N, C-alpha and C. Protein backbone atom coordinates (compact mmCIF):
# COMPACT_ATOMS: atom_id res chain seq x y z
N MET A 1 -12.21 -17.61 2.89
CA MET A 1 -10.96 -18.34 3.04
C MET A 1 -9.76 -17.41 2.88
N ARG A 2 -9.84 -16.53 1.89
CA ARG A 2 -8.75 -15.60 1.64
C ARG A 2 -8.53 -14.67 2.84
N LYS A 3 -9.64 -14.19 3.44
CA LYS A 3 -9.54 -13.32 4.61
C LYS A 3 -8.88 -14.06 5.78
N LEU A 4 -9.22 -15.32 5.93
CA LEU A 4 -8.63 -16.14 6.99
C LEU A 4 -7.13 -16.30 6.76
N LEU A 5 -6.72 -16.53 5.52
CA LEU A 5 -5.30 -16.68 5.20
C LEU A 5 -4.55 -15.38 5.48
N ILE A 6 -5.12 -14.25 5.09
CA ILE A 6 -4.48 -12.96 5.34
C ILE A 6 -4.35 -12.71 6.83
N LEU A 7 -5.41 -12.99 7.59
CA LEU A 7 -5.37 -12.84 9.03
C LEU A 7 -4.30 -13.74 9.64
N PHE A 8 -4.20 -14.97 9.16
CA PHE A 8 -3.21 -15.92 9.65
C PHE A 8 -1.80 -15.40 9.40
N ILE A 9 -1.55 -14.86 8.21
CA ILE A 9 -0.23 -14.35 7.88
C ILE A 9 0.11 -13.14 8.75
N ILE A 10 -0.85 -12.27 8.97
CA ILE A 10 -0.62 -11.09 9.80
C ILE A 10 -0.29 -11.48 11.24
N LEU A 11 -0.91 -12.52 11.74
CA LEU A 11 -0.72 -12.91 13.14
C LEU A 11 0.56 -13.70 13.39
N ILE A 12 1.23 -14.16 12.34
CA ILE A 12 2.47 -14.92 12.52
C ILE A 12 3.58 -13.93 12.87
N PRO A 13 4.20 -14.07 14.05
CA PRO A 13 5.26 -13.12 14.39
C PRO A 13 6.51 -13.37 13.56
N ASN A 14 7.26 -12.32 13.31
CA ASN A 14 8.51 -12.44 12.59
C ASN A 14 9.58 -12.85 13.60
N THR A 15 9.60 -14.12 13.95
CA THR A 15 10.44 -14.59 15.04
C THR A 15 11.93 -14.48 14.73
N SER A 16 12.33 -14.66 13.47
CA SER A 16 13.75 -14.58 13.17
C SER A 16 14.26 -13.16 13.43
N PHE A 17 13.46 -12.14 13.07
CA PHE A 17 13.86 -10.76 13.33
C PHE A 17 13.89 -10.49 14.82
N SER A 18 12.82 -10.87 15.54
CA SER A 18 12.77 -10.58 16.97
C SER A 18 13.83 -11.38 17.73
N ASN A 19 14.08 -12.62 17.34
CA ASN A 19 15.13 -13.41 17.99
C ASN A 19 16.49 -12.76 17.76
N GLU A 20 16.75 -12.34 16.52
CA GLU A 20 18.04 -11.72 16.19
C GLU A 20 18.23 -10.43 16.96
N LYS A 21 17.20 -9.61 17.01
CA LYS A 21 17.27 -8.34 17.73
C LYS A 21 17.47 -8.59 19.23
N PHE A 22 16.74 -9.56 19.76
CA PHE A 22 16.83 -9.93 21.17
C PHE A 22 18.27 -10.37 21.49
N VAL A 23 18.82 -11.25 20.65
CA VAL A 23 20.18 -11.75 20.85
C VAL A 23 21.20 -10.62 20.76
N ASN A 24 21.03 -9.73 19.81
CA ASN A 24 21.97 -8.60 19.67
C ASN A 24 21.98 -7.74 20.93
N TYR A 25 20.81 -7.46 21.48
CA TYR A 25 20.76 -6.71 22.73
C TYR A 25 21.49 -7.46 23.85
N LEU A 26 21.26 -8.77 23.93
CA LEU A 26 21.89 -9.57 24.99
C LEU A 26 23.41 -9.60 24.84
N LYS A 27 23.89 -9.65 23.63
CA LYS A 27 25.34 -9.69 23.40
C LYS A 27 26.01 -8.39 23.82
N GLU A 28 25.26 -7.29 23.81
CA GLU A 28 25.79 -6.01 24.29
C GLU A 28 26.05 -6.07 25.79
N GLY A 29 25.32 -6.92 26.52
CA GLY A 29 25.45 -7.00 27.97
C GLY A 29 24.69 -5.89 28.68
N LYS A 30 24.79 -5.90 30.00
CA LYS A 30 24.17 -4.90 30.87
C LYS A 30 22.66 -4.81 30.69
N LYS A 31 22.02 -5.95 30.36
CA LYS A 31 20.57 -5.99 30.20
C LYS A 31 19.98 -6.82 31.34
N ILE A 32 18.70 -6.60 31.58
CA ILE A 32 17.97 -7.36 32.59
C ILE A 32 16.90 -8.16 31.87
N ILE A 33 16.88 -9.46 32.12
CA ILE A 33 15.89 -10.36 31.52
C ILE A 33 14.94 -10.79 32.63
N PHE A 34 13.70 -10.34 32.53
CA PHE A 34 12.66 -10.77 33.47
C PHE A 34 11.99 -11.98 32.84
N MET A 35 12.06 -13.11 33.50
CA MET A 35 11.50 -14.34 32.97
C MET A 35 10.43 -14.88 33.91
N ARG A 36 9.25 -15.11 33.35
CA ARG A 36 8.24 -15.81 34.13
C ARG A 36 8.63 -17.28 34.15
N HIS A 37 8.44 -17.94 35.27
CA HIS A 37 8.76 -19.37 35.39
C HIS A 37 8.13 -20.14 34.23
N ALA A 38 8.73 -21.27 33.90
CA ALA A 38 8.22 -22.13 32.82
C ALA A 38 6.86 -22.72 33.22
N LEU A 39 6.28 -23.46 32.30
CA LEU A 39 4.91 -23.95 32.44
C LEU A 39 4.71 -24.79 33.70
N ALA A 40 3.79 -24.31 34.53
CA ALA A 40 3.36 -24.99 35.76
C ALA A 40 1.84 -24.86 35.77
N PRO A 41 1.13 -25.82 35.21
CA PRO A 41 -0.32 -25.69 35.01
C PRO A 41 -1.09 -25.34 36.28
N GLY A 42 -2.16 -24.58 36.05
CA GLY A 42 -3.03 -24.18 37.16
C GLY A 42 -2.84 -22.71 37.49
N THR A 43 -3.50 -22.29 38.54
CA THR A 43 -3.35 -20.92 39.05
C THR A 43 -3.21 -21.00 40.55
N ALA A 44 -2.47 -20.07 41.09
CA ALA A 44 -2.23 -20.00 42.52
C ALA A 44 -1.58 -21.28 43.05
N ASP A 45 -1.50 -21.38 44.35
CA ASP A 45 -0.93 -22.57 45.00
C ASP A 45 -1.98 -23.20 45.89
N PRO A 46 -1.80 -24.48 46.20
CA PRO A 46 -2.75 -25.15 47.10
C PRO A 46 -2.81 -24.46 48.46
N LYS A 47 -3.90 -24.66 49.17
CA LYS A 47 -4.07 -24.02 50.48
C LYS A 47 -3.01 -24.44 51.48
N ASN A 48 -2.45 -25.63 51.32
CA ASN A 48 -1.42 -26.10 52.25
C ASN A 48 -0.01 -25.70 51.82
N PHE A 49 0.10 -24.70 50.93
CA PHE A 49 1.37 -24.23 50.41
C PHE A 49 2.38 -23.97 51.52
N ASN A 50 3.59 -24.50 51.31
CA ASN A 50 4.70 -24.28 52.23
C ASN A 50 5.91 -23.98 51.35
N ILE A 51 6.50 -22.81 51.52
CA ILE A 51 7.61 -22.40 50.66
C ILE A 51 8.80 -23.35 50.75
N ASN A 52 8.92 -24.10 51.84
CA ASN A 52 10.04 -25.03 52.03
C ASN A 52 9.71 -26.45 51.60
N ASP A 53 8.53 -26.68 51.04
CA ASP A 53 8.11 -28.03 50.64
C ASP A 53 7.50 -27.98 49.24
N CYS A 54 8.29 -28.37 48.27
CA CYS A 54 7.83 -28.33 46.87
C CYS A 54 6.60 -29.20 46.63
N SER A 55 6.40 -30.23 47.41
CA SER A 55 5.26 -31.12 47.19
C SER A 55 3.93 -30.41 47.51
N THR A 56 3.99 -29.27 48.19
CA THR A 56 2.77 -28.53 48.51
C THR A 56 2.50 -27.40 47.52
N GLN A 57 3.34 -27.26 46.52
CA GLN A 57 3.25 -26.14 45.58
C GLN A 57 2.81 -26.59 44.18
N ARG A 58 2.44 -25.61 43.38
CA ARG A 58 2.22 -25.83 41.95
C ARG A 58 3.60 -25.87 41.31
N ASN A 59 3.90 -26.95 40.61
CA ASN A 59 5.24 -27.16 40.08
C ASN A 59 5.25 -27.27 38.56
N LEU A 60 6.45 -27.21 38.01
CA LEU A 60 6.61 -27.41 36.57
C LEU A 60 6.11 -28.79 36.20
N ASN A 61 5.45 -28.88 35.05
CA ASN A 61 5.12 -30.20 34.52
C ASN A 61 6.24 -30.59 33.54
N GLU A 62 6.08 -31.70 32.86
CA GLU A 62 7.12 -32.17 31.94
C GLU A 62 7.40 -31.13 30.86
N GLU A 63 6.36 -30.52 30.33
CA GLU A 63 6.54 -29.48 29.32
C GLU A 63 7.30 -28.29 29.89
N GLY A 64 7.03 -27.92 31.13
CA GLY A 64 7.74 -26.82 31.78
C GLY A 64 9.22 -27.14 31.97
N ARG A 65 9.53 -28.37 32.33
CA ARG A 65 10.94 -28.78 32.47
C ARG A 65 11.62 -28.75 31.10
N SER A 66 10.92 -29.23 30.09
CA SER A 66 11.47 -29.21 28.73
C SER A 66 11.66 -27.78 28.24
N GLN A 67 10.70 -26.92 28.51
CA GLN A 67 10.81 -25.51 28.13
C GLN A 67 12.02 -24.87 28.81
N SER A 68 12.24 -25.18 30.08
CA SER A 68 13.40 -24.65 30.81
C SER A 68 14.70 -25.10 30.16
N LYS A 69 14.76 -26.35 29.75
CA LYS A 69 15.97 -26.85 29.05
C LYS A 69 16.20 -26.08 27.76
N ARG A 70 15.14 -25.84 26.99
CA ARG A 70 15.28 -25.11 25.72
C ARG A 70 15.75 -23.67 25.96
N ILE A 71 15.29 -23.05 27.03
CA ILE A 71 15.74 -21.70 27.37
C ILE A 71 17.24 -21.71 27.65
N GLY A 72 17.68 -22.66 28.44
CA GLY A 72 19.11 -22.78 28.74
C GLY A 72 19.94 -23.03 27.49
N ILE A 73 19.45 -23.89 26.62
CA ILE A 73 20.14 -24.18 25.36
C ILE A 73 20.23 -22.93 24.50
N PHE A 74 19.16 -22.14 24.46
CA PHE A 74 19.16 -20.89 23.71
C PHE A 74 20.30 -19.99 24.17
N PHE A 75 20.44 -19.78 25.48
CA PHE A 75 21.50 -18.92 26.01
C PHE A 75 22.88 -19.50 25.72
N LYS A 76 23.00 -20.80 25.86
CA LYS A 76 24.30 -21.45 25.63
C LYS A 76 24.68 -21.38 24.15
N ASN A 77 23.76 -21.75 23.27
CA ASN A 77 24.05 -21.75 21.83
C ASN A 77 24.32 -20.37 21.27
N LYS A 78 23.70 -19.36 21.85
CA LYS A 78 23.89 -17.98 21.39
C LYS A 78 25.07 -17.31 22.10
N ASN A 79 25.72 -18.05 22.98
CA ASN A 79 26.89 -17.54 23.70
C ASN A 79 26.59 -16.24 24.46
N ILE A 80 25.47 -16.23 25.16
CA ILE A 80 25.03 -15.05 25.91
C ILE A 80 25.69 -15.08 27.28
N LYS A 81 26.37 -14.02 27.63
CA LYS A 81 27.04 -13.93 28.93
C LYS A 81 26.04 -13.52 29.99
N ILE A 82 26.12 -14.21 31.12
CA ILE A 82 25.20 -13.98 32.23
C ILE A 82 26.01 -13.59 33.46
N ASP A 83 25.66 -12.48 34.05
CA ASP A 83 26.29 -12.00 35.27
C ASP A 83 25.78 -12.79 36.46
N LYS A 84 24.45 -12.91 36.55
CA LYS A 84 23.83 -13.53 37.71
C LYS A 84 22.42 -13.96 37.35
N VAL A 85 21.97 -15.05 37.98
CA VAL A 85 20.58 -15.51 37.85
C VAL A 85 19.96 -15.47 39.24
N LEU A 86 18.87 -14.73 39.36
CA LEU A 86 18.14 -14.64 40.62
C LEU A 86 16.76 -15.25 40.43
N SER A 87 16.28 -15.92 41.46
CA SER A 87 15.00 -16.61 41.38
C SER A 87 14.15 -16.34 42.61
N SER A 88 12.84 -16.36 42.40
CA SER A 88 11.89 -16.39 43.49
C SER A 88 12.18 -17.64 44.32
N GLU A 89 11.69 -17.67 45.54
CA GLU A 89 11.87 -18.84 46.40
C GLU A 89 10.85 -19.94 46.11
N TRP A 90 9.87 -19.69 45.23
CA TRP A 90 8.88 -20.70 44.86
C TRP A 90 9.59 -21.77 44.03
N CYS A 91 9.22 -23.02 44.23
CA CYS A 91 9.90 -24.14 43.57
C CYS A 91 9.81 -24.08 42.05
N ARG A 92 8.70 -23.62 41.49
CA ARG A 92 8.59 -23.57 40.02
C ARG A 92 9.59 -22.58 39.43
N CYS A 93 9.90 -21.52 40.15
CA CYS A 93 10.92 -20.56 39.69
C CYS A 93 12.33 -21.13 39.89
N LYS A 94 12.57 -21.72 41.06
CA LYS A 94 13.89 -22.30 41.31
C LYS A 94 14.18 -23.42 40.32
N ASP A 95 13.17 -24.25 40.02
CA ASP A 95 13.37 -25.33 39.05
C ASP A 95 13.65 -24.79 37.66
N THR A 96 12.93 -23.74 37.26
CA THR A 96 13.18 -23.11 35.96
C THR A 96 14.62 -22.61 35.90
N ALA A 97 15.05 -21.88 36.92
CA ALA A 97 16.41 -21.33 36.97
C ALA A 97 17.46 -22.43 36.97
N ASN A 98 17.23 -23.46 37.77
CA ASN A 98 18.20 -24.54 37.88
C ASN A 98 18.32 -25.33 36.57
N ILE A 99 17.21 -25.69 35.98
CA ILE A 99 17.23 -26.47 34.74
C ILE A 99 17.84 -25.65 33.60
N ALA A 100 17.46 -24.38 33.51
CA ALA A 100 17.94 -23.54 32.40
C ALA A 100 19.39 -23.10 32.58
N PHE A 101 19.77 -22.72 33.79
CA PHE A 101 21.06 -22.06 33.97
C PHE A 101 22.00 -22.74 34.97
N GLY A 102 21.48 -23.62 35.82
CA GLY A 102 22.32 -24.30 36.80
C GLY A 102 22.59 -23.45 38.02
N ASN A 103 23.39 -22.44 37.89
CA ASN A 103 23.80 -21.63 39.02
C ASN A 103 22.85 -20.46 39.21
N PHE A 104 22.21 -20.37 40.37
CA PHE A 104 21.29 -19.27 40.66
C PHE A 104 21.24 -19.02 42.16
N GLN A 105 20.69 -17.87 42.52
CA GLN A 105 20.46 -17.52 43.92
C GLN A 105 19.00 -17.14 44.08
N THR A 106 18.44 -17.44 45.24
CA THR A 106 17.07 -17.00 45.50
C THR A 106 17.10 -15.57 46.05
N PHE A 107 16.01 -14.86 45.80
CA PHE A 107 15.87 -13.48 46.24
C PHE A 107 14.40 -13.28 46.59
N SER A 108 14.11 -13.10 47.85
CA SER A 108 12.71 -13.05 48.32
C SER A 108 11.90 -11.91 47.69
N ALA A 109 12.54 -10.87 47.21
CA ALA A 109 11.81 -9.77 46.57
C ALA A 109 11.13 -10.23 45.28
N LEU A 110 11.52 -11.39 44.77
CA LEU A 110 10.94 -11.94 43.53
C LEU A 110 9.76 -12.88 43.80
N ASN A 111 9.43 -13.11 45.06
CA ASN A 111 8.34 -14.02 45.41
C ASN A 111 6.99 -13.48 44.96
N SER A 112 6.07 -14.39 44.74
CA SER A 112 4.72 -14.02 44.32
C SER A 112 3.97 -13.32 45.44
N PHE A 113 3.11 -12.39 45.05
CA PHE A 113 2.18 -11.78 46.01
C PHE A 113 0.77 -11.86 45.44
N TYR A 114 0.54 -12.89 44.63
CA TYR A 114 -0.75 -13.10 43.96
C TYR A 114 -1.87 -13.37 44.95
N GLU A 115 -1.61 -14.24 45.91
CA GLU A 115 -2.64 -14.64 46.86
C GLU A 115 -2.75 -13.62 48.00
N ALA A 116 -3.93 -13.52 48.56
CA ALA A 116 -4.21 -12.54 49.61
C ALA A 116 -3.21 -12.64 50.77
N ARG A 117 -2.81 -13.85 51.14
CA ARG A 117 -1.92 -13.99 52.29
C ARG A 117 -0.53 -13.42 52.03
N PHE A 118 -0.15 -13.21 50.76
CA PHE A 118 1.15 -12.65 50.42
C PHE A 118 1.06 -11.20 49.93
N ALA A 119 -0.15 -10.70 49.70
CA ALA A 119 -0.35 -9.37 49.13
C ALA A 119 0.27 -8.26 49.98
N LYS A 120 0.30 -8.46 51.27
CA LYS A 120 0.87 -7.45 52.17
C LYS A 120 2.35 -7.21 51.91
N ASN A 121 3.02 -8.16 51.24
CA ASN A 121 4.46 -8.06 50.95
C ASN A 121 4.76 -7.25 49.69
N LYS A 122 3.76 -6.98 48.89
CA LYS A 122 3.96 -6.40 47.56
C LYS A 122 4.80 -5.11 47.58
N SER A 123 4.41 -4.12 48.33
CA SER A 123 5.13 -2.83 48.34
C SER A 123 6.57 -2.99 48.78
N LYS A 124 6.77 -3.75 49.84
CA LYS A 124 8.13 -3.97 50.36
C LYS A 124 8.99 -4.69 49.32
N GLN A 125 8.44 -5.72 48.70
CA GLN A 125 9.20 -6.48 47.69
C GLN A 125 9.56 -5.62 46.49
N ILE A 126 8.60 -4.87 45.97
CA ILE A 126 8.87 -4.05 44.78
C ILE A 126 9.92 -2.99 45.11
N LYS A 127 9.83 -2.40 46.28
CA LYS A 127 10.83 -1.41 46.70
C LYS A 127 12.22 -2.05 46.79
N GLU A 128 12.29 -3.23 47.40
CA GLU A 128 13.56 -3.94 47.54
C GLU A 128 14.12 -4.34 46.17
N LEU A 129 13.26 -4.79 45.27
CA LEU A 129 13.69 -5.19 43.93
C LEU A 129 14.21 -3.97 43.16
N LYS A 130 13.47 -2.87 43.19
CA LYS A 130 13.92 -1.65 42.50
C LYS A 130 15.25 -1.17 43.05
N ASN A 131 15.41 -1.23 44.35
CA ASN A 131 16.68 -0.83 44.98
C ASN A 131 17.82 -1.71 44.48
N PHE A 132 17.59 -3.02 44.44
CA PHE A 132 18.62 -3.94 43.95
C PHE A 132 18.98 -3.60 42.50
N LEU A 133 17.98 -3.42 41.65
CA LEU A 133 18.22 -3.15 40.23
C LEU A 133 18.94 -1.82 40.04
N ASN A 134 18.61 -0.83 40.83
CA ASN A 134 19.29 0.47 40.74
C ASN A 134 20.77 0.36 41.09
N ASN A 135 21.11 -0.57 41.96
CA ASN A 135 22.49 -0.73 42.40
C ASN A 135 23.26 -1.81 41.64
N TRP A 136 22.58 -2.55 40.76
CA TRP A 136 23.25 -3.61 40.00
C TRP A 136 24.22 -2.99 38.99
N GLU A 137 25.44 -3.49 38.99
CA GLU A 137 26.50 -2.93 38.13
C GLU A 137 27.16 -3.98 37.24
N GLY A 138 26.48 -5.05 36.90
CA GLY A 138 27.10 -6.11 36.10
C GLY A 138 27.39 -5.68 34.67
N ASP A 139 28.43 -6.26 34.09
CA ASP A 139 28.77 -6.00 32.69
C ASP A 139 28.05 -6.95 31.74
N SER A 140 27.69 -8.12 32.25
CA SER A 140 26.95 -9.10 31.45
C SER A 140 25.47 -8.86 31.67
N ASN A 141 24.66 -9.90 31.63
CA ASN A 141 23.21 -9.77 31.76
C ASN A 141 22.73 -10.36 33.08
N LEU A 142 21.67 -9.77 33.61
CA LEU A 142 21.04 -10.23 34.84
C LEU A 142 19.74 -10.94 34.47
N ILE A 143 19.58 -12.17 34.94
CA ILE A 143 18.35 -12.91 34.68
C ILE A 143 17.56 -13.01 35.98
N ILE A 144 16.29 -12.65 35.88
CA ILE A 144 15.39 -12.68 37.03
C ILE A 144 14.25 -13.64 36.71
N VAL A 145 14.16 -14.73 37.45
CA VAL A 145 13.10 -15.73 37.25
C VAL A 145 12.07 -15.50 38.35
N THR A 146 10.86 -15.12 37.93
CA THR A 146 9.86 -14.72 38.90
C THR A 146 8.45 -15.06 38.41
N HIS A 147 7.47 -14.33 38.87
CA HIS A 147 6.07 -14.62 38.63
C HIS A 147 5.40 -13.52 37.81
N PHE A 148 4.27 -13.87 37.22
CA PHE A 148 3.47 -12.93 36.43
C PHE A 148 3.24 -11.62 37.18
N VAL A 149 2.82 -11.72 38.45
CA VAL A 149 2.44 -10.52 39.21
C VAL A 149 3.62 -9.58 39.45
N VAL A 150 4.78 -10.13 39.66
CA VAL A 150 5.97 -9.29 39.90
C VAL A 150 6.34 -8.55 38.62
N ILE A 151 6.39 -9.27 37.50
CA ILE A 151 6.72 -8.65 36.22
C ILE A 151 5.68 -7.60 35.85
N SER A 152 4.42 -7.95 36.01
CA SER A 152 3.33 -7.04 35.69
C SER A 152 3.39 -5.77 36.54
N GLU A 153 3.66 -5.91 37.80
CA GLU A 153 3.74 -4.75 38.70
C GLU A 153 4.91 -3.84 38.34
N LEU A 154 6.04 -4.43 38.04
CA LEU A 154 7.25 -3.66 37.76
C LEU A 154 7.27 -3.06 36.36
N LEU A 155 6.82 -3.85 35.36
CA LEU A 155 6.94 -3.43 33.97
C LEU A 155 5.60 -3.10 33.30
N ASN A 156 4.50 -3.33 34.03
CA ASN A 156 3.17 -3.10 33.47
C ASN A 156 2.96 -3.90 32.18
N LYS A 157 3.42 -5.15 32.19
CA LYS A 157 3.31 -6.03 31.03
C LYS A 157 3.05 -7.45 31.51
N GLY A 158 2.07 -8.10 30.90
CA GLY A 158 1.79 -9.49 31.21
C GLY A 158 2.76 -10.41 30.49
N THR A 159 2.91 -11.63 31.00
CA THR A 159 3.83 -12.60 30.40
C THR A 159 3.21 -13.99 30.38
N SER A 160 3.65 -14.77 29.43
CA SER A 160 3.29 -16.19 29.36
C SER A 160 4.32 -17.00 30.12
N SER A 161 4.02 -18.24 30.39
CA SER A 161 4.98 -19.12 31.06
C SER A 161 6.25 -19.23 30.23
N GLY A 162 7.39 -18.97 30.86
CA GLY A 162 8.68 -19.06 30.18
C GLY A 162 9.03 -17.86 29.32
N GLU A 163 8.13 -16.89 29.21
CA GLU A 163 8.42 -15.71 28.38
C GLU A 163 9.45 -14.82 29.07
N MET A 164 10.31 -14.22 28.25
CA MET A 164 11.35 -13.32 28.74
C MET A 164 11.08 -11.91 28.24
N ILE A 165 11.16 -10.95 29.14
CA ILE A 165 11.04 -9.54 28.81
C ILE A 165 12.42 -8.92 29.03
N LEU A 166 12.95 -8.30 28.00
CA LEU A 166 14.29 -7.72 28.04
C LEU A 166 14.18 -6.22 28.30
N THR A 167 14.94 -5.75 29.29
CA THR A 167 14.96 -4.31 29.59
C THR A 167 16.40 -3.83 29.73
N ASP A 168 16.53 -2.52 29.69
CA ASP A 168 17.81 -1.93 30.07
C ASP A 168 17.73 -1.65 31.58
N LYS A 169 18.77 -1.04 32.11
CA LYS A 169 18.81 -0.81 33.55
C LYS A 169 17.72 0.16 34.02
N LYS A 170 17.23 1.01 33.13
CA LYS A 170 16.16 1.95 33.47
C LYS A 170 14.79 1.29 33.38
N LEU A 171 14.77 -0.01 33.09
CA LEU A 171 13.55 -0.82 32.94
C LEU A 171 12.73 -0.43 31.70
N THR A 172 13.40 0.11 30.71
CA THR A 172 12.78 0.36 29.42
C THR A 172 12.70 -0.99 28.70
N ILE A 173 11.51 -1.37 28.28
CA ILE A 173 11.35 -2.67 27.61
C ILE A 173 11.92 -2.59 26.20
N LEU A 174 12.85 -3.51 25.91
CA LEU A 174 13.51 -3.56 24.61
C LEU A 174 12.93 -4.65 23.71
N GLY A 175 12.26 -5.61 24.31
CA GLY A 175 11.67 -6.69 23.54
C GLY A 175 11.29 -7.85 24.43
N ASN A 176 10.68 -8.85 23.81
CA ASN A 176 10.31 -10.04 24.55
C ASN A 176 10.55 -11.25 23.65
N LEU A 177 10.66 -12.41 24.27
CA LEU A 177 10.92 -13.64 23.55
C LEU A 177 10.29 -14.80 24.28
N GLU A 178 9.61 -15.64 23.52
CA GLU A 178 9.06 -16.88 24.06
C GLU A 178 9.75 -18.04 23.38
N ILE A 179 10.28 -18.94 24.16
CA ILE A 179 10.88 -20.17 23.63
C ILE A 179 9.95 -21.30 24.02
N ASN A 180 9.23 -21.81 23.03
CA ASN A 180 8.24 -22.86 23.30
C ASN A 180 8.81 -24.24 23.13
């Protein structure tokens, strides 16, 4: 029992420290926040997937919509300045961006390339995304709402639904935050 308690204590993250550090970085501005879309249960999209028809896609569930609201509240309550919010064209990303931040733009370089039919786009998208990030000159923070595969390819780091990875402009990872 004692070993279990010690293991439990070790596994509890020091969220107040990481949240404070995360917020301090964001208040400095000029950071990039890579966010995986909020909870949308399942994997991949249905075979009849149509990027222009949300009813054919894997979408946020109620928990995902609630998680998106909490993310937006976090940024608002912490008075974090946002330069721009960019989203994949997939509905679960657009819904996350819209619910959390309201104002956003889609950017096709953020689209998923998880499935074989989209894999051919991977190199072109990553090149276009890197080019955009290299030329971004905002004083506030840039939020990118995208998919696991895009974040993993660019930062070599996996993410949970709704998790945010904070980087500087050189894509050096400064921290991560999950708002559940």
